[in-house]
Protein backbone atom coordinates (compact mmCIF):
# COMPACT_ATOMS: atom_id res chain seq x y z
CA UNK A 1 18.93 84.93 36.97
CA UNK A 2 16.02 83.53 34.99
CA UNK A 3 16.22 81.12 32.07
CA UNK A 4 13.41 80.06 29.76
CA UNK A 5 13.41 76.82 27.82
CA UNK A 6 12.30 76.80 24.20
CA UNK A 7 9.39 74.51 23.38
CA UNK A 8 11.83 71.93 21.96
CA UNK A 9 14.04 72.07 25.07
CA UNK A 10 10.97 71.70 27.26
CA UNK A 11 9.86 68.66 25.25
CA UNK A 12 13.33 67.09 25.53
CA UNK A 13 13.42 67.84 29.28
CA UNK A 14 10.02 66.17 29.79
CA UNK A 15 11.14 63.09 27.82
CA UNK A 16 14.37 62.84 29.86
CA UNK A 17 12.42 63.28 33.09
CA UNK A 18 10.00 60.51 32.07
CA UNK A 19 12.88 58.14 31.23
CA UNK A 20 14.48 58.71 34.64
CA UNK A 21 11.45 58.86 36.92
CA UNK A 22 12.14 55.31 38.16
CA UNK A 23 15.78 55.97 39.05
CA UNK A 24 14.87 57.30 42.50
CA UNK A 25 14.96 55.00 45.49
CA UNK A 26 11.35 53.73 45.87
CA UNK A 27 11.22 54.32 49.62
CA UNK A 28 12.26 57.95 49.25
CA UNK A 29 9.61 60.26 47.88
CA UNK A 30 11.12 63.01 45.74
CA UNK A 31 9.54 65.71 43.66
CA UNK A 32 12.12 65.57 40.88
CA UNK A 33 15.42 63.77 40.44
CA UNK A 34 16.43 65.68 37.30
CA UNK A 35 18.41 68.88 37.40
CA UNK A 36 19.02 71.39 34.63
CA UNK A 37 22.51 72.70 33.99
CA UNK A 38 22.39 75.99 32.08
CA UNK A 39 25.57 77.56 30.72
CA UNK A 40 25.07 81.07 29.36
CA UNK A 41 27.13 81.94 26.27
CA UNK A 42 27.33 85.00 24.09
CA UNK A 43 24.91 83.46 21.57
CA UNK A 44 22.45 81.73 23.91
CA UNK A 45 22.25 79.09 26.61
CA UNK A 46 23.59 75.55 26.54
CA UNK A 47 21.14 73.33 28.43
CA UNK A 48 21.89 69.87 29.85
CA UNK A 49 19.68 67.56 31.95
CA UNK A 50 21.22 65.34 34.58
CA UNK A 51 19.57 62.58 36.61
CA UNK A 52 20.87 63.01 40.16
CA UNK A 53 20.15 59.35 40.92
CA UNK A 54 21.97 57.53 38.09
CA UNK A 55 24.17 60.36 36.82
CA UNK A 56 22.99 60.19 33.19
CA UNK A 57 23.32 63.45 31.24
CA UNK A 58 21.74 64.64 28.02
CA UNK A 59 22.27 67.85 26.07
CA UNK A 60 18.83 69.27 25.28
CA UNK A 61 20.02 72.56 23.74
CA UNK A 62 17.81 73.83 20.93
CA UNK A 63 20.56 74.86 18.50
CA UNK A 64 17.99 76.32 16.09
CA UNK A 65 17.22 78.93 18.78
CA UNK A 66 20.91 79.83 19.08
CA UNK A 67 21.41 80.78 15.45
């Protein structure tokens, strides 16, 4: 299954990723410590970012795209 982020969701994802880039253990080199959780619904996708290091979550859904 393929999901595309809207430009607003992509911007929010990038901001979240930037805020959490220092959460990773310094001695362990990782490409990305942020995962996307996408929940398909009948009207669009709900999109949440989660930092796998500190556990912080943020809903980045572009509700304008849903309606």
